Protein backbone atom coordinates (compact mmCIF):
# COMPACT_ATOMS: atom_id res chain seq x y z
CA MET A 1 42.71 7.22 -50.12
CA ARG A 2 40.52 8.32 -53.19
CA LEU A 3 38.06 11.29 -53.32
CA ASN A 4 34.91 10.99 -55.23
CA SER A 5 34.18 13.84 -57.55
CA TRP A 6 32.14 15.34 -54.73
CA GLY A 7 35.31 15.42 -52.49
CA ILE A 8 37.34 16.87 -55.07
CA GLY A 9 34.99 19.44 -55.59
CA VAL A 10 34.97 20.63 -51.86
CA VAL A 11 38.80 20.53 -51.76
CA ALA A 12 39.13 22.49 -54.69
CA ALA A 13 36.61 24.90 -53.45
CA SER A 14 37.93 25.35 -50.10
CA THR A 15 41.47 25.92 -51.71
CA PHE A 16 40.15 28.54 -53.96
CA MET A 17 38.12 30.39 -51.27
CA PHE A 18 41.25 30.23 -48.66
CA ASN A 19 43.43 31.61 -51.88
CA GLN A 20 41.17 34.49 -52.29
CA THR A 21 40.78 35.33 -48.77
CA LEU A 22 44.45 35.49 -48.71
CA ALA A 23 44.74 37.64 -51.91
CA GLU A 24 42.24 39.89 -50.69
CA SER A 25 44.28 40.81 -47.26
CA LEU A 26 47.76 40.94 -49.13
CA PRO A 27 50.14 43.79 -47.89
CA LYS A 28 50.81 46.38 -50.54
CA PRO A 29 54.36 44.79 -51.17
CA ILE A 30 53.10 41.29 -51.38
CA GLU A 31 50.27 42.27 -53.68
CA MET A 32 52.61 44.07 -56.13
CA LEU A 33 54.59 40.35 -56.22
CA ALA A 34 51.43 38.68 -56.91
CA GLN A 35 50.39 41.56 -59.58
CA GLN A 36 53.41 40.50 -61.51
CA GLY A 37 52.41 36.81 -61.73
CA LEU A 38 53.48 35.14 -58.24
CA THR A 39 50.95 33.32 -56.89
CA ILE A 40 50.67 33.58 -52.87
CA VAL A 41 49.96 30.30 -51.51
CA ASP A 42 50.15 30.60 -47.89
CA THR A 43 51.76 32.29 -45.01
CA PHE A 44 54.25 30.75 -42.37
CA GLU A 45 56.34 31.64 -39.59
CA ALA A 46 59.73 33.56 -39.35
CA PRO A 47 61.79 35.05 -37.00
CA GLY A 48 62.59 38.42 -36.52
CA GLY A 49 59.24 40.06 -36.87
CA LEU A 50 59.26 38.75 -40.45
CA VAL A 51 56.07 37.59 -42.07
CA GLY A 52 56.71 34.16 -44.27
CA TYR A 53 54.88 34.05 -47.48
CA ALA A 54 55.07 30.75 -49.41
CA ALA A 55 54.77 31.47 -53.22
CA ARG A 56 54.85 29.87 -56.82
CA PHE A 57 56.33 31.43 -59.92
CA GLN A 58 56.55 29.56 -63.18
CA GLY A 59 56.50 26.24 -61.53
CA GLN A 60 59.23 27.30 -58.90
CA ALA A 61 58.62 27.53 -55.16
CA ILE A 62 59.59 30.72 -53.66
CA ALA A 63 59.77 32.43 -50.31
CA LEU A 64 58.98 35.81 -49.44
CA TYR A 65 59.29 37.76 -46.17
CA LEU A 66 57.51 40.85 -45.29
CA THR A 67 59.39 43.00 -42.85
CA PRO A 68 57.89 44.50 -39.75
CA ASP A 69 56.99 47.87 -41.31
CA GLY A 70 55.05 46.08 -43.90
CA GLU A 71 56.75 48.23 -46.63
CA HIS A 72 59.52 46.00 -47.68
CA VAL A 73 59.57 42.40 -48.71
CA LEU A 74 62.75 40.04 -49.00
CA ILE A 75 62.84 37.26 -51.38
CA GLY A 76 65.13 34.25 -51.16
CA ASN A 77 66.48 31.96 -48.67
CA LEU A 78 66.69 32.85 -44.96
CA LEU A 79 69.38 30.79 -43.15
CA ASN A 80 69.34 29.87 -39.32
CA LEU A 81 72.66 29.29 -37.10
CA ALA A 82 72.64 25.66 -38.42
CA GLY A 83 72.88 27.07 -42.21
CA GLU A 84 69.17 25.48 -42.88
CA ASP A 85 66.90 27.65 -44.93
CA ILE A 86 64.06 28.07 -42.63
CA ALA A 87 61.61 28.11 -45.55
CA ALA A 88 62.14 24.75 -46.93
CA GLU A 89 59.78 22.91 -44.89
CA PRO A 90 56.91 25.37 -45.22
CA LEU A 91 57.47 25.78 -48.93
CA TYR A 92 57.42 21.74 -49.37
CA GLN A 93 54.11 21.65 -47.28
CA ALA A 94 52.49 24.36 -49.21
CA VAL A 95 53.70 24.50 -52.65
CA ILE A 96 56.08 21.59 -53.55
CA GLY A 97 54.51 18.55 -51.64
CA PRO A 98 51.01 18.83 -53.29
CA GLU A 99 52.47 19.15 -56.56
CA GLN A 100 54.73 16.36 -55.84
CA GLU A 101 52.35 14.10 -54.56
CA ARG A 102 49.92 14.62 -57.26
CA ALA A 103 52.81 13.63 -59.69
CA TRP A 104 53.26 10.35 -57.61
CA ASN A 105 49.70 9.37 -57.43
CA LEU A 106 49.62 10.09 -61.32
CA MET A 107 52.36 7.47 -61.74
CA ALA A 108 51.10 5.12 -59.19
CA ASN A 109 47.86 4.82 -61.15
CA ALA A 110 49.37 4.76 -64.89
CA LYS A 111 50.19 1.52 -66.53
CA LEU A 112 53.75 0.71 -65.71
CA VAL A 113 56.76 -1.61 -66.40
CA GLN A 114 57.45 -3.55 -63.09
CA ASP A 115 61.31 -3.81 -62.81
CA GLY A 116 62.43 -5.61 -59.66
CA ASP A 117 60.88 -7.31 -56.82
CA VAL A 118 57.23 -6.21 -56.16
CA ASN A 119 57.62 -6.45 -52.57
CA ALA A 120 61.06 -4.54 -52.33
CA PRO A 121 60.74 -1.67 -49.73
CA ARG A 122 61.45 1.40 -51.97
CA VAL A 123 59.38 2.29 -54.98
CA ILE A 124 61.03 4.72 -57.50
CA TYR A 125 59.02 5.92 -60.46
CA THR A 126 61.34 6.59 -63.70
CA VAL A 127 59.89 8.10 -67.04
CA THR A 128 61.57 6.23 -69.43
CA ASP A 129 62.37 6.28 -73.18
CA PRO A 130 63.38 3.23 -74.81
CA ASN A 131 66.42 4.91 -76.69
CA CYS A 132 67.35 7.30 -73.67
CA PRO A 133 70.97 6.75 -73.01
CA TYR A 134 70.55 8.24 -69.36
CA CYS A 135 67.69 5.99 -68.56
CA HIS A 136 69.73 3.01 -69.49
CA ARG A 137 72.54 4.49 -67.33
CA PHE A 138 70.09 4.89 -64.45
CA ARG A 139 68.79 1.33 -64.71
CA GLU A 140 72.36 0.13 -64.51
CA ALA A 141 73.05 2.24 -61.78
CA ALA A 142 69.89 0.87 -60.00
CA GLN A 143 70.99 -3.01 -60.57
CA PRO A 144 72.90 -3.26 -57.23
CA TRP A 145 69.70 -2.23 -55.06
CA ILE A 146 67.40 -4.55 -57.66
CA ASP A 147 69.53 -7.39 -57.13
CA ALA A 148 69.67 -7.02 -53.11
CA GLY A 149 65.91 -7.02 -53.39
CA LEU A 150 65.69 -3.29 -51.69
CA VAL A 151 64.42 -1.13 -54.56
CA GLN A 152 61.78 -1.87 -57.27
CA LEU A 153 61.53 0.57 -60.64
CA ARG A 154 58.28 1.25 -62.13
CA HIS A 155 58.84 2.44 -65.52
CA LEU A 156 56.25 5.05 -67.32
CA MET A 157 57.08 4.27 -70.73
CA VAL A 158 57.21 7.06 -73.28
CA GLY A 159 58.43 7.44 -76.80
CA ILE A 160 59.83 10.98 -77.19
CA ILE A 161 63.53 10.95 -78.36
CA ARG A 162 63.65 8.92 -81.56
CA GLU A 163 60.98 8.09 -84.31
CA GLU A 164 61.35 4.46 -83.45
CA SER A 165 60.80 5.50 -79.58
CA LEU A 166 57.10 5.84 -79.93
CA THR A 167 56.68 1.98 -81.45
CA GLN A 168 59.28 0.37 -79.15
CA ALA A 169 57.47 1.59 -76.04
CA ALA A 170 54.08 0.66 -77.56
CA ALA A 171 55.44 -2.82 -78.26
CA ILE A 172 57.01 -3.19 -74.81
CA MET A 173 53.64 -2.17 -73.22
CA GLY A 174 51.37 -4.19 -75.74
CA ALA A 175 53.55 -7.56 -75.04
CA PRO A 176 52.24 -10.31 -72.89
CA ASP A 177 54.99 -9.45 -70.33
CA PRO A 178 56.25 -6.09 -70.55
CA THR A 179 58.82 -6.76 -67.95
CA ALA A 180 60.22 -9.29 -69.92
CA ALA A 181 59.94 -7.28 -72.87
CA LEU A 182 61.71 -4.54 -71.52
CA GLU A 183 64.66 -6.78 -70.04
CA GLN A 184 64.81 -8.07 -73.92
CA HIS A 185 65.01 -4.49 -75.01
CA LEU A 186 67.92 -3.56 -72.65
CA ALA A 187 69.67 -6.90 -73.61
CA ARG A 188 69.57 -5.98 -77.26
CA LEU A 189 70.45 -2.08 -77.09
CA ASN A 190 73.52 -2.61 -79.20
CA ARG A 191 71.45 -4.26 -81.95
CA GLY A 192 68.78 -1.61 -82.02
CA GLY A 193 66.60 -2.86 -79.03
CA ILE A 194 63.34 -5.02 -79.19
CA GLU A 195 61.42 -5.42 -82.38
CA ALA A 196 58.13 -3.37 -82.58
CA THR A 197 56.24 -6.32 -83.65
CA PRO A 198 52.82 -4.57 -85.10
CA ARG A 199 50.64 -6.40 -82.99
CA PHE A 200 52.02 -5.51 -79.86
CA VAL A 201 52.21 -1.84 -80.92
CA ARG A 202 48.76 -1.76 -81.65
CA ILE A 203 47.81 -3.06 -78.08
CA GLY A 204 50.21 -0.79 -76.56
CA ASN A 205 49.37 2.30 -78.34
CA ASP A 206 46.50 3.44 -75.89
CA VAL A 207 48.61 3.08 -72.92
CA ILE A 208 51.83 5.03 -74.44
CA ARG A 209 49.08 7.66 -75.42
CA ASP A 210 47.96 7.70 -71.70
CA ASN A 211 51.58 8.22 -70.51
CA HIS A 212 52.16 11.09 -72.87
CA ARG A 213 49.02 12.90 -71.40
CA ILE A 214 50.61 12.43 -67.93
CA ILE A 215 54.11 13.79 -68.91
CA ARG A 216 52.29 16.79 -70.53
CA GLU A 217 50.36 17.46 -67.66
CA LEU A 218 53.57 17.36 -65.26
CA GLY A 219 55.56 19.50 -67.69
CA ILE A 220 57.94 16.68 -68.68
CA SER A 221 59.74 16.91 -72.18
CA ALA A 222 62.61 14.83 -71.71
CA THR A 223 63.93 11.90 -69.84
CA PRO A 224 64.64 10.35 -67.56
CA VAL A 225 62.75 11.80 -64.57
CA VAL A 226 62.84 10.04 -61.45
CA TYR A 227 60.53 10.25 -58.47
CA TYR A 228 61.29 8.95 -55.18
CA ARG A 229 60.56 9.45 -51.54
CA ASP A 230 63.13 10.93 -49.02
CA ASN A 231 64.13 10.03 -45.40
CA ASN A 232 61.10 12.48 -44.36
CA ASN A 233 58.76 10.44 -47.06
CA HIS A 234 58.71 13.34 -48.94
CA VAL A 235 58.32 13.10 -52.82
CA GLN A 236 61.65 14.45 -54.58
CA VAL A 237 62.01 14.61 -58.31
CA ILE A 238 65.13 14.31 -60.27
CA ARG A 239 65.39 15.33 -63.92
CA GLY A 240 68.19 13.73 -65.84
CA MET A 241 70.50 11.41 -64.70
CA PRO A 242 71.16 11.39 -60.84
CA GLN A 243 74.57 12.74 -60.06
CA PRO A 244 76.86 9.84 -58.43
CA ASN A 245 76.73 11.60 -55.17
CA MET A 246 72.87 11.47 -55.07
CA LEU A 247 72.38 7.64 -55.78
CA GLU A 248 72.19 6.89 -52.10
CA ALA A 249 69.69 9.31 -51.76
CA VAL A 250 67.73 7.96 -54.40
CA PHE A 251 68.16 3.88 -53.89
CA GLY A 252 69.11 4.18 -50.20
CA PRO A 253 72.28 2.87 -48.51
CA ARG A 254 74.45 0.70 -50.85
CA PRO A 255 74.11 -2.79 -50.34
């Protein structure tokens, strides 16, 4: 669902008023942390008479726990008997989730290179530089799932690693068939990759410019960056090549 500008304004105003009201009623220890740069987003239930606060600091989600006397605050993980962090879900819902969903929507509305069956059930967005070796390794790791029709990659092409990355990314996006152009590039990696045909570069330049705006907005300065949905339908992000033990979390059960 897309919100019109009026709807977005209402949501933004409501969020502002909620955070303003929360800030005005903060206990002293929490207010002290807010004055040091933490953004207090929401409260959540916590055991033992504690009051949980979901906060953000320098892009990271942080859990705070106000003690029953209202004079002390604990910062960090609070585990239950199963060894689970009780703040994981509240932090996702209040801080991490909205930011990750925003990133997912930015990717979904960008011009991308389709890689794999468009009807494959698992969609994965990846920020890809034509000359990024870890991007190539990620693509190779995905091959069994793509061949089985289980996964589709959608590449947000950027050019940030080498001087020629920019023109090659533009040439791929400006080609009549970007999917075929990316395949050609991958097949020719040992020979320098795809030729940056000037006509295609001119066509693709605007797309790459838009893609660079997206990665700046998301604070991305290296590749690959992988966005996927976990078994709870939560958007997760991995910066860099996923470790081997993470591949099934990203792609699903091995075919």
